Protein backbone atom coordinates (compact mmCIF):
# COMPACT_ATOMS: atom_id res chain seq x y z
CA MET A 1 -14.69 -43.66 2.43
CA MET A 2 -16.10 -40.35 3.72
CA ALA A 3 -12.91 -39.83 5.67
CA GLU A 4 -10.85 -40.35 2.47
CA GLU A 5 -13.00 -37.87 0.51
CA THR A 6 -12.56 -35.32 3.29
CA GLY A 7 -8.75 -35.81 3.38
CA GLN A 8 -8.58 -35.33 -0.37
CA LYS A 9 -10.60 -32.12 -0.27
CA LYS A 10 -8.20 -30.81 2.52
CA ASN A 11 -5.13 -31.75 0.42
CA LEU A 12 -6.66 -30.05 -2.54
CA TRP A 13 -7.40 -26.87 -0.62
CA GLN A 14 -3.85 -26.94 0.94
CA LYS A 15 -2.33 -27.24 -2.57
CA TRP A 16 -4.40 -24.22 -3.66
CA MET A 17 -3.26 -22.25 -0.59
CA ASP A 18 0.41 -23.21 -1.17
CA LEU A 19 0.30 -21.50 -4.50
CA PRO A 20 1.71 -17.93 -4.66
CA LEU A 21 -1.10 -15.34 -4.08
CA VAL A 22 -0.10 -13.67 -7.46
CA GLY A 23 -0.61 -16.91 -9.30
CA ARG A 24 -4.08 -17.39 -7.70
CA ILE A 25 -5.04 -13.88 -8.47
CA LEU A 26 -4.01 -14.38 -12.09
CA GLY A 27 -6.09 -17.49 -12.18
CA GLY A 28 -9.14 -15.57 -10.81
CA ILE A 29 -8.74 -12.88 -13.51
CA ILE A 30 -8.49 -15.38 -16.28
CA ILE A 31 -11.44 -17.61 -15.13
CA GLY A 32 -13.53 -14.37 -14.59
CA VAL A 33 -12.94 -13.13 -18.16
CA ILE A 34 -13.72 -16.64 -19.60
CA LEU A 35 -16.90 -16.97 -17.54
CA ALA A 36 -18.00 -13.32 -18.47
CA LEU A 37 -17.58 -14.20 -22.23
CA THR A 38 -19.53 -17.44 -22.02
CA ILE A 39 -22.21 -17.53 -19.29
CA PRO A 40 -24.18 -14.40 -20.51
CA GLN A 41 -24.47 -16.02 -23.94
CA ALA A 42 -26.29 -19.01 -22.34
CA GLY A 43 -29.35 -16.88 -21.56
CA ASP A 44 -31.52 -17.28 -18.44
CA SER A 45 -30.59 -20.90 -17.96
CA LEU A 46 -27.43 -19.92 -15.99
CA GLN A 47 -28.81 -16.70 -14.33
CA GLY A 48 -28.40 -18.19 -10.83
CA LEU A 49 -24.79 -19.04 -11.50
CA SER A 50 -24.17 -15.50 -12.85
CA GLU A 51 -25.69 -13.89 -9.76
CA PHE A 52 -23.54 -16.12 -7.43
CA ILE A 53 -20.35 -15.19 -9.21
CA MET A 54 -21.27 -11.42 -8.87
CA LEU A 55 -21.95 -12.12 -5.18
CA LEU A 56 -18.31 -13.21 -4.74
CA GLY A 57 -17.11 -9.80 -5.74
CA LYS A 58 -19.62 -8.05 -3.52
CA LEU A 59 -18.65 -10.08 -0.57
CA PHE A 60 -14.96 -9.30 -1.05
CA THR A 61 -15.35 -5.53 -1.27
CA THR A 62 -17.74 -5.65 1.79
CA ALA A 63 -15.27 -7.60 3.84
CA LEU A 64 -12.45 -5.18 2.85
CA LYS A 65 -14.79 -2.13 3.83
CA ALA A 66 -15.51 -3.71 7.22
CA ILE A 67 -11.86 -4.53 8.23
CA ALA A 68 -9.99 -1.59 6.75
CA PRO A 69 -10.98 1.02 9.44
CA ILE A 70 -9.96 -1.25 12.25
CA LEU A 71 -6.72 -2.10 10.56
CA VAL A 72 -5.77 1.54 10.12
CA PHE A 73 -6.62 2.41 13.75
CA PHE A 74 -4.56 -0.25 15.39
CA LEU A 75 -1.64 -0.04 13.09
CA VAL A 76 -1.23 3.65 13.47
CA VAL A 77 -1.71 3.48 17.27
CA SER A 78 0.80 0.68 17.67
CA SER A 79 3.45 2.20 15.31
CA ILE A 80 3.39 5.63 17.05
CA MET A 81 3.45 4.34 20.59
CA ASN A 82 6.32 1.94 19.86
CA ALA A 83 8.42 4.24 17.58
CA LYS A 84 11.95 4.78 18.57
CA THR A 85 13.61 8.11 17.57
CA ALA A 86 16.84 8.17 19.48
CA GLY A 87 20.38 8.62 18.21
CA ASN A 88 21.61 8.15 14.67
CA LEU A 89 18.16 6.69 13.82
CA LYS A 90 16.75 10.11 13.56
CA THR A 91 18.63 10.62 10.26
CA VAL A 92 17.24 7.51 8.77
CA ILE A 93 13.66 8.35 9.77
CA ILE A 94 13.95 11.78 8.22
CA LEU A 95 15.15 10.19 4.99
CA TYR A 96 12.28 7.65 5.02
CA LEU A 97 9.77 10.51 5.54
CA VAL A 98 11.31 12.75 2.94
CA ALA A 99 11.37 10.00 0.25
CA THR A 100 7.85 8.88 1.05
CA THR A 101 6.56 12.49 0.81
CA LEU A 102 8.38 13.09 -2.50
CA SER A 103 6.86 9.85 -3.79
CA ALA A 104 3.33 11.20 -3.23
CA ILE A 105 4.25 14.53 -4.81
CA VAL A 106 5.65 12.67 -7.77
CA ALA A 107 2.51 10.76 -8.21
CA VAL A 108 0.18 13.69 -7.93
CA ILE A 109 2.19 15.70 -10.47
CA ALA A 110 2.18 12.67 -12.85
CA CYS A 111 -1.61 12.44 -12.53
CA HIS A 112 -1.86 16.10 -13.39
CA PHE A 113 -0.05 15.64 -16.69
CA PHE A 114 -1.55 12.16 -17.30
CA PRO A 115 -5.11 12.30 -16.10
CA LEU A 116 -6.70 8.75 -16.10
CA THR A 117 -10.15 7.42 -15.35
CA LEU A 118 -11.25 4.11 -14.09
CA VAL A 119 -14.02 1.78 -15.37
CA TRP A 120 -16.14 0.10 -12.68
CA PRO A 121 -19.51 -1.78 -12.70
CA SER A 122 -22.42 0.49 -13.53
CA THR A 123 -24.22 -0.67 -10.53
CA VAL A 124 -21.92 1.52 -8.36
CA ASP A 125 -23.25 4.93 -7.49
CA VAL A 126 -20.74 7.37 -8.69
CA GLU A 127 -22.65 10.61 -8.25
CA GLN A 128 -20.39 12.82 -6.03
CA SER A 129 -20.24 16.60 -5.60
CA SER A 130 -16.97 18.51 -5.95
CA PRO A 131 -16.03 20.77 -3.07
CA GLY A 132 -17.17 24.39 -3.68
CA SER A 133 -14.01 26.08 -2.55
CA VAL A 134 -10.57 25.65 -0.91
CA GLY A 135 -11.97 26.94 2.34
CA GLU A 136 -14.68 24.24 2.08
CA VAL A 137 -12.06 21.61 1.64
CA PHE A 138 -10.09 22.70 4.71
CA THR A 139 -13.33 23.09 6.71
CA ASN A 140 -14.40 19.53 5.78
CA VAL A 141 -10.93 18.07 6.65
CA ILE A 142 -10.68 19.79 10.08
CA VAL A 143 -14.35 18.95 11.03
CA GLY A 144 -13.96 15.38 9.72
CA MET A 145 -10.70 14.93 11.69
CA VAL A 146 -12.23 15.67 15.14
CA SER A 147 -15.49 13.76 14.66
CA ASN A 148 -16.57 10.97 17.05
CA PRO A 149 -13.88 8.22 16.82
CA VAL A 150 -16.27 5.43 17.54
CA GLN A 151 -18.65 6.67 14.86
CA ALA A 152 -15.62 7.11 12.46
CA LEU A 153 -14.74 3.46 12.93
CA ALA A 154 -18.27 2.40 12.26
CA ASP A 155 -18.66 4.69 9.11
CA GLY A 156 -15.11 4.27 7.84
CA SER A 157 -14.21 7.99 8.24
CA PHE A 158 -10.51 7.54 7.69
CA LEU A 159 -9.42 11.15 8.29
CA SER A 160 -10.97 10.87 11.84
CA ILE A 161 -9.53 7.43 12.46
CA LEU A 162 -5.97 8.62 11.51
CA PHE A 163 -6.21 11.75 13.72
CA TRP A 164 -7.48 9.87 16.82
CA ALA A 165 -5.20 6.92 16.22
CA ALA A 166 -2.21 9.49 16.27
CA ILE A 167 -3.48 11.19 19.43
CA ILE A 168 -4.00 7.97 21.29
CA GLY A 169 -0.74 6.61 20.08
CA ILE A 170 1.17 9.72 21.38
CA ALA A 171 -0.70 9.51 24.64
CA LEU A 172 0.20 5.90 25.02
CA ARG A 173 3.97 6.29 24.41
CA HIS A 174 4.76 6.10 28.10
CA ALA A 175 2.24 3.38 28.89
CA ASN A 176 3.15 0.19 30.75
CA PRO A 177 4.66 -2.68 28.74
CA THR A 178 1.46 -4.69 29.07
CA THR A 179 -0.55 -1.96 27.25
CA SER A 180 2.11 -1.68 24.51
CA GLU A 181 2.01 -5.48 24.07
CA PHE A 182 -1.80 -5.49 23.89
CA MET A 183 -1.87 -2.86 21.18
CA GLY A 184 0.88 -4.62 19.12
CA ASP A 185 -1.20 -7.89 19.59
CA MET A 186 -4.28 -6.07 18.25
CA ALA A 187 -2.25 -4.65 15.34
CA HIS A 188 -1.00 -8.21 14.55
CA ALA A 189 -4.43 -9.70 14.86
CA THR A 190 -6.04 -7.24 12.49
CA THR A 191 -3.06 -7.68 10.04
CA THR A 192 -3.87 -11.41 10.29
CA ALA A 193 -7.53 -10.93 9.54
CA VAL A 194 -6.66 -8.83 6.55
CA ARG A 195 -4.38 -11.61 5.39
CA TRP A 196 -7.34 -14.00 5.65
CA VAL A 197 -9.52 -11.73 3.56
CA ILE A 198 -6.80 -11.13 0.94
CA ASN A 199 -6.33 -14.91 0.67
CA MET A 200 -9.91 -14.90 -0.61
CA ALA A 201 -8.89 -12.20 -3.20
CA PRO A 202 -8.81 -14.65 -6.14
CA PHE A 203 -12.57 -15.54 -5.72
CA GLY A 204 -13.46 -11.91 -5.08
CA ILE A 205 -11.50 -10.71 -8.08
CA LEU A 206 -13.06 -13.42 -10.18
CA GLY A 207 -16.43 -12.00 -9.26
CA LEU A 208 -15.32 -8.41 -9.77
CA VAL A 209 -13.82 -9.19 -13.25
CA TYR A 210 -16.84 -11.12 -14.25
CA THR A 211 -19.19 -8.16 -13.35
CA SER A 212 -16.90 -5.61 -14.96
CA VAL A 213 -16.43 -7.50 -18.23
CA THR A 214 -20.13 -8.44 -18.43
CA GLU A 215 -21.23 -4.81 -18.01
CA ALA A 216 -18.36 -2.84 -19.59
CA GLY A 217 -16.62 -5.36 -22.04
CA LEU A 218 -12.91 -6.15 -22.36
CA GLU A 219 -12.16 -2.35 -22.57
CA ILE A 220 -11.68 -2.38 -18.77
CA PHE A 221 -8.30 -3.90 -19.25
CA THR A 222 -7.25 -1.01 -21.43
CA SER A 223 -8.19 1.37 -18.67
CA TYR A 224 -6.45 -0.79 -16.02
CA GLY A 225 -3.30 -1.14 -18.17
CA LYS A 226 -2.92 2.66 -18.38
CA VAL A 227 -3.19 2.83 -14.53
CA VAL A 228 -0.55 0.18 -14.14
CA LEU A 229 1.80 2.07 -16.58
CA LEU A 230 1.44 5.27 -14.55
CA LEU A 231 2.00 3.60 -11.22
CA VAL A 232 5.01 1.65 -12.38
CA GLY A 233 6.40 4.76 -14.16
CA CYS A 234 6.16 6.78 -10.96
CA MET A 235 7.82 4.06 -8.87
CA LEU A 236 10.69 3.55 -11.32
CA LEU A 237 11.21 7.38 -11.49
CA MET A 238 11.52 7.53 -7.69
CA THR A 239 13.81 4.32 -7.56
CA LEU A 240 16.10 5.30 -10.41
CA ILE A 241 16.23 9.06 -10.29
CA VAL A 242 14.80 10.80 -7.22
CA ASN A 243 16.18 8.55 -4.46
CA PRO A 244 19.61 8.55 -5.95
CA ILE A 245 19.50 12.39 -5.98
CA ILE A 246 18.61 12.33 -2.28
CA VAL A 247 21.54 9.96 -1.58
CA ALA A 248 23.92 12.11 -3.67
CA ILE A 249 22.95 15.29 -1.76
CA CYS A 250 23.65 13.56 1.51
CA ILE A 251 26.89 11.84 0.94
CA ARG A 252 28.24 13.97 -1.97
CA LYS A 253 29.32 10.92 -3.98
CA ASN A 254 27.97 8.88 -6.85
CA PRO A 255 24.94 7.05 -5.41
CA TYR A 256 24.57 4.51 -8.17
CA PRO A 257 27.09 1.77 -7.00
CA LEU A 258 25.02 1.71 -3.69
CA LEU A 259 21.71 1.76 -5.76
CA TRP A 260 22.75 -1.10 -7.97
CA ARG A 261 23.73 -3.13 -4.96
CA THR A 262 20.38 -2.70 -3.31
CA LEU A 263 18.54 -3.35 -6.52
CA LYS A 264 20.45 -6.63 -7.11
CA GLU A 265 20.36 -8.02 -3.48
CA SER A 266 17.13 -6.54 -2.16
CA TYR A 267 14.86 -5.16 -4.92
CA ILE A 268 14.61 -8.45 -6.92
CA THR A 269 13.87 -10.73 -3.84
CA ALA A 270 11.21 -8.17 -2.55
CA PHE A 271 9.71 -8.02 -6.12
CA PHE A 272 8.91 -11.77 -6.03
CA THR A 273 8.06 -12.22 -2.27
CA ARG A 274 5.85 -9.03 -2.34
CA SER A 275 6.43 -8.68 1.42
CA SER A 276 8.61 -6.04 3.17
CA ALA A 277 8.39 -8.20 6.31
CA ALA A 278 9.70 -11.32 4.53
CA ASN A 279 12.58 -9.36 3.01
CA ILE A 280 13.85 -8.04 6.42
CA PRO A 281 16.42 -10.90 6.69
CA VAL A 282 17.67 -10.18 3.27
CA ASN A 283 18.12 -6.54 4.07
CA MET A 284 19.86 -7.21 7.34
CA GLU A 285 22.32 -9.48 5.59
CA LEU A 286 23.06 -6.82 3.07
CA CYS A 287 23.66 -4.17 5.67
CA GLN A 288 26.17 -6.66 7.37
CA LYS A 289 28.04 -7.05 4.08
CA LEU A 290 28.20 -3.30 3.68
CA GLY A 291 29.73 -3.02 7.08
CA LEU A 292 26.98 -0.69 8.56
CA ASP A 293 26.47 -0.07 12.27
CA GLU A 294 24.52 -2.99 13.56
CA GLU A 295 22.91 -1.07 16.40
CA SER A 296 21.47 1.20 13.76
CA TYR A 297 20.30 -1.22 11.07
CA SER A 298 18.88 -3.69 13.46
CA VAL A 299 16.20 -1.13 14.28
CA SER A 300 16.09 0.93 11.05
CA ILE A 301 15.45 -2.03 8.76
CA PRO A 302 12.38 -3.39 10.68
CA LEU A 303 11.19 0.18 11.16
CA GLY A 304 11.50 0.80 7.48
CA ALA A 305 9.21 -2.13 6.74
CA THR A 306 6.58 -0.09 8.62
CA ILE A 307 7.11 3.63 7.74
CA ASN A 308 9.28 3.73 4.62
CA MET A 309 6.46 3.42 2.18
CA GLY A 310 7.26 5.44 -0.93
CA GLY A 311 5.66 2.89 -3.25
CA ALA A 312 2.53 2.85 -1.14
CA ALA A 313 2.31 6.67 -1.25
CA ILE A 314 2.34 6.43 -5.07
CA THR A 315 -0.35 3.88 -5.15
CA ILE A 316 -2.59 5.70 -2.71
CA SER A 317 -2.15 9.08 -4.38
CA VAL A 318 -2.58 7.76 -8.07
CA MET A 319 -5.62 5.65 -7.28
CA ALA A 320 -7.27 8.58 -5.34
CA MET A 321 -6.58 10.95 -8.26
CA CYS A 322 -7.85 8.50 -10.80
CA ALA A 323 -11.03 8.18 -8.63
CA ALA A 324 -11.51 11.93 -8.60
CA ASN A 325 -10.98 12.14 -12.33
CA THR A 326 -13.52 9.45 -12.96
CA LEU A 327 -16.15 11.33 -10.86
CA GLY A 328 -15.35 14.62 -12.60
CA ILE A 329 -13.95 16.19 -9.48
CA HIS A 330 -11.51 19.04 -10.19
CA VAL A 331 -8.50 18.85 -7.83
CA ASP A 332 -7.03 22.25 -7.12
CA VAL A 333 -3.61 23.03 -5.63
CA ALA A 334 -4.76 23.03 -1.98
CA PRO A 335 -6.45 19.52 -2.14
CA ALA A 336 -3.48 18.26 -4.10
CA ILE A 337 -1.12 19.40 -1.35
CA LEU A 338 -3.39 17.73 1.20
CA LEU A 339 -3.44 14.56 -0.79
CA CYS A 340 0.42 14.51 -0.78
CA ILE A 341 0.53 14.88 2.91
CA ILE A 342 -2.21 12.40 3.68
CA GLY A 343 -0.83 10.00 1.07
CA ALA A 344 2.65 10.06 2.81
CA LEU A 345 1.14 9.79 6.31
CA GLY A 346 -1.36 7.03 5.23
CA ALA A 347 1.45 5.08 3.54
CA CYS A 348 3.36 5.06 6.86
CA GLY A 349 0.56 3.07 8.32
CA ALA A 350 0.17 0.71 5.48
CA SER A 351 -0.23 -2.97 6.34
CA GLY A 352 2.89 -5.28 5.93
CA VAL A 353 0.72 -7.82 3.99
CA ALA A 354 0.49 -8.03 0.14
CA GLY A 355 -1.90 -5.25 -1.09
CA GLY A 356 -1.94 -3.53 2.36
CA SER A 357 -1.53 -0.03 0.86
CA LEU A 358 -4.78 -0.47 -1.06
CA LEU A 359 -6.76 -0.32 2.09
CA LEU A 360 -5.58 3.26 2.59
CA ILE A 361 -7.05 4.49 -0.59
CA PRO A 362 -10.37 5.43 1.14
CA LEU A 363 -8.41 7.73 3.47
CA ALA A 364 -7.12 9.68 0.49
CA CYS A 365 -10.43 9.59 -1.44
CA SER A 366 -12.28 11.06 1.54
CA LEU A 367 -10.35 14.28 0.89
CA PHE A 368 -12.53 14.76 -2.21
CA GLY A 369 -15.76 13.84 -0.62
CA ILE A 370 -15.73 10.39 -2.29
CA GLY A 371 -17.88 7.97 -0.29
CA ASN A 372 -16.64 4.77 1.17
CA ASP A 373 -18.72 2.50 -1.01
CA VAL A 374 -17.11 4.00 -4.18
CA ALA A 375 -13.65 4.15 -2.59
CA MET A 376 -13.85 0.37 -2.01
CA ASN A 377 -14.45 -0.36 -5.63
CA VAL A 378 -11.27 1.57 -6.33
CA VAL A 379 -9.56 -0.72 -3.79
CA ALA A 380 -11.11 -3.77 -5.64
CA ILE A 381 -9.60 -2.47 -8.92
CA GLY A 382 -6.33 -2.05 -7.01
CA PHE A 383 -6.42 -5.74 -6.25
CA ILE A 384 -6.97 -6.62 -9.91
CA ILE A 385 -3.92 -4.74 -11.03
CA GLY A 386 -2.01 -5.58 -7.85
CA VAL A 387 -0.46 -8.64 -9.69
CA ILE A 388 2.02 -6.05 -11.07
CA GLN A 389 1.71 -3.01 -8.91
CA ASP A 390 2.29 -4.61 -5.61
CA SER A 391 5.50 -6.20 -6.73
CA PHE A 392 6.94 -2.94 -7.93
CA GLU A 393 5.70 -1.18 -4.77
CA THR A 394 7.13 -3.70 -2.38
CA ALA A 395 10.45 -3.72 -4.20
CA GLN A 396 10.71 0.00 -3.98
CA ASN A 397 9.74 0.05 -0.28
CA SER A 398 12.10 -2.66 0.82
CA SER A 399 15.20 -1.79 -1.22
CA THR A 400 15.24 1.74 -0.04
CA ASP A 401 15.18 0.63 3.55
CA VAL A 402 18.79 -0.54 2.93
CA LEU A 403 19.50 2.46 0.65
CA PHE A 404 18.66 5.14 3.29
CA THR A 405 20.11 3.10 6.19
CA ALA A 406 23.41 2.97 4.35
CA THR A 407 23.15 6.65 3.58
CA ALA A 408 22.62 7.67 7.15
CA ASP A 409 25.57 5.42 8.16
CA TYR A 410 27.87 6.94 5.50
CA MET A 411 26.89 10.46 6.59
CA HIS A 412 27.89 9.67 10.10
CA GLN A 413 31.14 8.18 8.94
CA LEU A 414 31.94 11.34 6.84
CA LYS A 415 31.28 13.50 9.96
CA GLU A 416 34.03 11.46 11.66
CA GLY A 417 36.39 12.13 8.82
CA LYS A 418 36.30 8.46 7.53
CA GLU A 419 36.61 7.47 3.84
CA ILE A 420 33.49 5.76 2.50
CA HIS A 421 32.93 3.39 -0.49
CA PRO A 422 29.18 3.33 -1.27
CA GLY A 423 27.87 0.02 -2.20
CA LYS A 424 31.09 -1.93 -1.62
CA ASP A 425 31.66 -4.75 0.95
CA ALA A 426 33.29 -3.46 4.07
CA VAL A 427 34.37 -4.87 7.44
CA ARG A 428 33.72 -2.52 10.45
CA ALA A 429 36.69 -2.63 12.88
């Protein structure tokens, strides 16, 4: 009898885990709202249940705070030491980096014209001091970058983590294959650990939504809705306007036939899978249909899933700017430029799992002196709105892998005097 009950529980849990993460998160949000509107009305009789639900949210944000520094360190080290930059691939990488940087710039400019604030639980200490001058900002950045790397991992000092990870990654570029494999395994292990934590997101978000609605009311969804609109607006602007302009400058032809092809065959699938890694086979097949150079796209497509992160740069920059606005921190030109740079660099190290870019938000927040505890509440808000945000972000990231791979290939063909037909099927001789 006991064995049957255990088997039924396992089957129930497996069925729950088989549901799409987006569906589970939506369920957590809905249940959190319902409980927040009913449990407090019951008075002290359900005080213990209320505290337990709030604890779920605290556990989730604490777990994210613990794993994020380790994730950033190993992802950046592994990416840099294993990066390939030879041959025609250089053009693709340049396009990736330019588009990612422009995404961060678009996000910061949009936040300047549409300044938004966030609503989080009143128990969070949001008292922060604004940097006194531009010189102070640069001093804090430089000193923070070269601080003790071990202490940085313990304290979650992301600027220092990023700096030392880059140094170590460059130093290990000529390491033996065993070392390279070990660092790759560590990056994979931390990504897997993050995936486990994110699988608990529905319960954590249930607790966070419950706490937020209990303390601030349903108005939190008005605030979050505005942030979602700003994020999606920036991503669509990059996807439909800015990226096509980049392509047009490069190939001197109408970029939209190629753009529509990538939207139809890559963007839509990435939108629903919410994983750049899962969309790699789709992108490889599309590159084959377009007749692109296999030696190039066989490397650039997997690489793009790691460093072509325009959508992530937008998420990181917008959420950091919203946090600064909420705390009353005025962002001058110099910090804004630094945010664009850090947002782009941080996005290149974003995890390949759903919501991975959210764990880079503390890196950007640290530019404004925003503490890790507050930054992790911004991350938690990111998971709440991630039902929509992450779909658009992944779709932008993954579809532009093909867009820029094709652009680089077309540029090479034009140099050889060949005729190109952007977006149309071709058979390479």
